[in-house]
Amino acid sequence: MAARRIAKSAVDWTAFAERVPANQRDFFRAFKAKSESIVNRVHQYPESLPKLDFSFYKARLANAAVAEQFEKQYQNVSVPFPKDKNNLLQEVDTQEKKAEADSKAFVGVLQGQIKEARMMLDKLGSIPPPDQMTHEMYAYYFPDKSLDPVSKPTFWPHIPMLQPGHKDHEYIK
């Protein structure tokens, strides 16, 4: 009986160990050892109560009614398995499902960011190296950053902060 109850809640230690950070390996080993000692203590006892020969006791005792009374009480013995009164298991399952859904949503967002980053890397890979790029190529690839004396003239030293109309221009003197 005890073995079946524990088998239902068995832990996949290899999967658990893969998720443990390197700095907490010692704590994990201690936790695993403690858990295994508890399981071993449970397994040292038999699943069910041992069968007793009450006829032997009835023959040996002067008062057989005492043996019959013990036999009835022994047959009625039941060790109750602890119950989850506060429904903590259901609450943990609910939290696990919510965390799994949140994780899937987060992974989806990250996959989108990875896709955007790959597209950006592909664009950057198509740009010629800086030593081979001309001013016209720079203006083509980076129109917002290039110097265009016709449509947006700038003053020397052509630093954006020092140009008139920049938000910080009046504070720099």
Protein backbone atom coordinates (compact mmCIF):
# COMPACT_ATOMS: atom_id res chain seq x y z
CA MET A 1 0.00 0.00 0.00
CA ALA A 2 2.74 2.47 0.96
CA ALA A 3 4.83 1.56 -2.07
CA ARG A 4 1.98 2.32 -4.44
CA ARG A 5 1.29 5.69 -2.82
CA ILE A 6 4.94 6.69 -3.09
CA ALA A 7 5.21 5.40 -6.63
CA LYS A 8 2.45 7.81 -7.67
CA SER A 9 4.47 10.79 -6.47
CA ALA A 10 7.90 9.59 -7.63
CA VAL A 11 10.31 12.31 -8.70
CA ASP A 12 12.22 12.23 -11.99
CA TRP A 13 15.60 13.00 -10.45
CA THR A 14 17.48 13.21 -13.76
CA ALA A 15 15.11 15.84 -15.14
CA PHE A 16 15.26 17.64 -11.80
CA ALA A 17 19.09 17.56 -11.78
CA GLU A 18 19.23 19.10 -15.27
CA ARG A 19 17.37 22.16 -14.01
CA VAL A 20 19.48 22.72 -10.89
CA PRO A 21 22.03 25.55 -11.22
CA ALA A 22 25.68 24.66 -10.67
CA ASN A 23 25.92 26.73 -7.48
CA GLN A 24 23.09 24.72 -5.87
CA ARG A 25 24.26 21.18 -6.67
CA ASP A 26 25.24 20.48 -3.04
CA PHE A 27 21.80 21.52 -1.79
CA PHE A 28 20.21 19.33 -4.45
CA ARG A 29 22.29 16.30 -3.40
CA ALA A 30 21.34 16.84 0.25
CA PHE A 31 17.66 17.15 -0.66
CA LYS A 32 17.80 14.00 -2.79
CA ALA A 33 19.54 12.04 -0.01
CA LYS A 34 16.94 13.15 2.54
CA SER A 35 14.10 12.23 0.18
CA GLU A 36 15.58 8.81 -0.50
CA SER A 37 16.03 8.16 3.23
CA ILE A 38 12.35 8.94 3.81
CA VAL A 39 11.29 6.65 0.96
CA ASN A 40 13.56 3.89 2.31
CA ARG A 41 12.03 4.24 5.77
CA VAL A 42 8.54 3.86 4.30
CA HIS A 43 9.60 0.84 2.25
CA GLN A 44 11.07 -0.98 5.24
CA TYR A 45 7.55 -1.61 6.50
CA PRO A 46 5.20 -4.07 4.78
CA GLU A 47 2.34 -2.81 2.63
CA SER A 48 -0.32 -4.37 4.82
CA LEU A 49 -0.52 -5.50 8.41
CA PRO A 50 0.94 -8.96 9.02
CA LYS A 51 -1.52 -11.85 9.45
CA LEU A 52 -1.74 -13.05 13.02
CA ASP A 53 -2.90 -16.49 14.09
CA PHE A 54 -5.42 -15.58 16.76
CA SER A 55 -6.41 -19.23 17.23
CA PHE A 56 -2.96 -19.76 18.76
CA TYR A 57 -3.63 -16.98 21.29
CA LYS A 58 -7.16 -18.23 22.01
CA ALA A 59 -5.75 -21.65 22.87
CA ARG A 60 -2.99 -20.25 25.10
CA LEU A 61 -4.90 -17.56 26.99
CA ALA A 62 -7.07 -18.36 29.94
CA ASN A 63 -9.72 -15.91 28.73
CA ALA A 64 -10.39 -16.48 25.01
CA ALA A 65 -12.73 -13.47 24.89
CA VAL A 66 -9.70 -11.15 25.22
CA ALA A 67 -8.11 -12.74 22.12
CA GLU A 68 -11.39 -12.39 20.20
CA GLN A 69 -11.64 -8.75 21.24
CA PHE A 70 -8.05 -8.11 20.05
CA GLU A 71 -8.80 -9.94 16.79
CA LYS A 72 -11.80 -7.68 16.08
CA GLN A 73 -9.82 -4.56 16.91
CA TYR A 74 -6.86 -5.74 14.79
CA GLN A 75 -9.10 -6.35 11.77
CA ASN A 76 -10.66 -2.91 12.13
CA VAL A 77 -7.30 -1.12 12.23
CA SER A 78 -6.82 1.20 9.31
CA VAL A 79 -4.03 3.71 8.99
CA PRO A 80 -5.46 6.78 7.30
CA PHE A 81 -3.47 8.31 4.48
CA PRO A 82 -3.06 12.07 5.05
CA LYS A 83 -5.65 14.13 3.22
CA ASP A 84 -5.16 17.50 1.59
CA LYS A 85 -7.58 19.49 3.74
CA ASN A 86 -6.66 22.91 2.33
CA ASN A 87 -6.64 21.67 -1.29
CA LEU A 88 -2.99 22.66 -1.67
CA LEU A 89 -2.36 20.07 -4.36
CA GLN A 90 -5.08 21.55 -6.56
CA GLU A 91 -3.72 25.04 -5.90
CA VAL A 92 -0.21 23.94 -6.89
CA ASP A 93 -1.58 22.28 -10.05
CA THR A 94 -3.41 25.50 -10.93
CA GLN A 95 -0.25 27.53 -10.38
CA GLU A 96 1.73 25.05 -12.48
CA LYS A 97 -0.74 25.36 -15.38
CA LYS A 98 -0.66 29.14 -15.13
CA ALA A 99 3.14 29.17 -15.03
CA GLU A 100 3.26 26.85 -18.04
CA ALA A 101 0.91 29.14 -19.98
CA ASP A 102 2.98 32.19 -18.97
CA SER A 103 6.16 30.39 -20.03
CA LYS A 104 4.68 29.51 -23.42
CA ALA A 105 3.60 33.13 -23.93
CA PHE A 106 7.06 34.36 -22.91
CA VAL A 107 8.72 31.88 -25.26
CA GLY A 108 6.44 33.11 -28.05
CA VAL A 109 7.50 36.71 -27.40
CA LEU A 110 11.16 35.68 -27.36
CA GLN A 111 10.74 33.72 -30.60
CA GLY A 112 9.35 36.90 -32.19
CA GLN A 113 12.32 38.90 -30.92
CA ILE A 114 14.70 36.24 -32.24
CA LYS A 115 13.01 36.41 -35.63
CA GLU A 116 13.36 40.21 -35.69
CA ALA A 117 17.01 39.96 -34.61
CA ARG A 118 17.73 37.44 -37.39
CA MET A 119 16.10 39.73 -39.92
CA MET A 120 18.27 42.60 -38.65
CA LEU A 121 21.38 40.40 -38.85
CA ASP A 122 20.46 39.46 -42.41
CA LYS A 123 20.14 43.17 -43.26
CA LEU A 124 23.46 43.94 -41.60
CA GLY A 125 25.05 41.04 -43.47
CA SER A 126 23.99 42.58 -46.77
CA ILE A 127 25.70 45.90 -45.97
CA PRO A 128 29.21 46.29 -47.40
CA PRO A 129 32.07 46.60 -44.90
CA PRO A 130 32.81 50.15 -43.64
CA ASP A 131 36.13 50.41 -45.47
CA GLN A 132 34.37 49.76 -48.80
CA MET A 133 31.32 51.96 -48.17
CA THR A 134 30.96 55.33 -49.89
CA HIS A 135 28.98 58.33 -48.64
CA GLU A 136 26.25 57.54 -51.14
CA MET A 137 26.03 53.92 -49.91
CA TYR A 138 25.89 55.13 -46.30
CA ALA A 139 23.07 57.53 -47.20
CA TYR A 140 21.23 54.66 -48.93
CA TYR A 141 21.55 52.19 -46.04
CA PHE A 142 21.18 54.73 -43.18
CA PRO A 143 19.09 57.65 -44.46
CA ASP A 144 18.28 58.94 -40.98
CA LYS A 145 21.94 59.03 -39.90
CA SER A 146 23.63 60.27 -43.07
CA LEU A 147 24.60 63.83 -43.83
CA ASP A 148 22.34 65.30 -46.48
CA PRO A 149 23.37 68.90 -47.18
CA VAL A 150 20.35 69.52 -49.40
CA SER A 151 17.36 68.38 -47.31
CA LYS A 152 18.84 68.68 -43.82
CA PRO A 153 21.97 70.81 -43.62
CA THR A 154 24.15 70.65 -40.50
CA PHE A 155 26.90 72.82 -39.08
CA TRP A 156 30.41 71.73 -38.31
CA PRO A 157 31.32 69.53 -36.33
CA HIS A 158 28.12 67.75 -37.54
CA ILE A 159 27.40 66.23 -34.11
CA PRO A 160 23.63 65.87 -33.57
CA MET A 161 23.77 67.35 -30.05
CA LEU A 162 25.41 70.54 -31.30
CA GLN A 163 22.93 71.21 -34.08
CA PRO A 164 20.26 73.88 -33.76
CA GLY A 165 16.89 72.37 -32.97
CA HIS A 166 18.30 69.48 -30.92
CA LYS A 167 16.60 69.09 -27.53
CA ASP A 168 19.88 69.57 -25.62
CA HIS A 169 21.38 72.31 -27.83
CA GLU A 170 20.62 75.26 -25.55
CA TYR A 171 22.24 73.54 -22.52
CA ILE A 172 25.57 72.94 -24.25
CA LYS A 173 27.81 76.00 -24.43
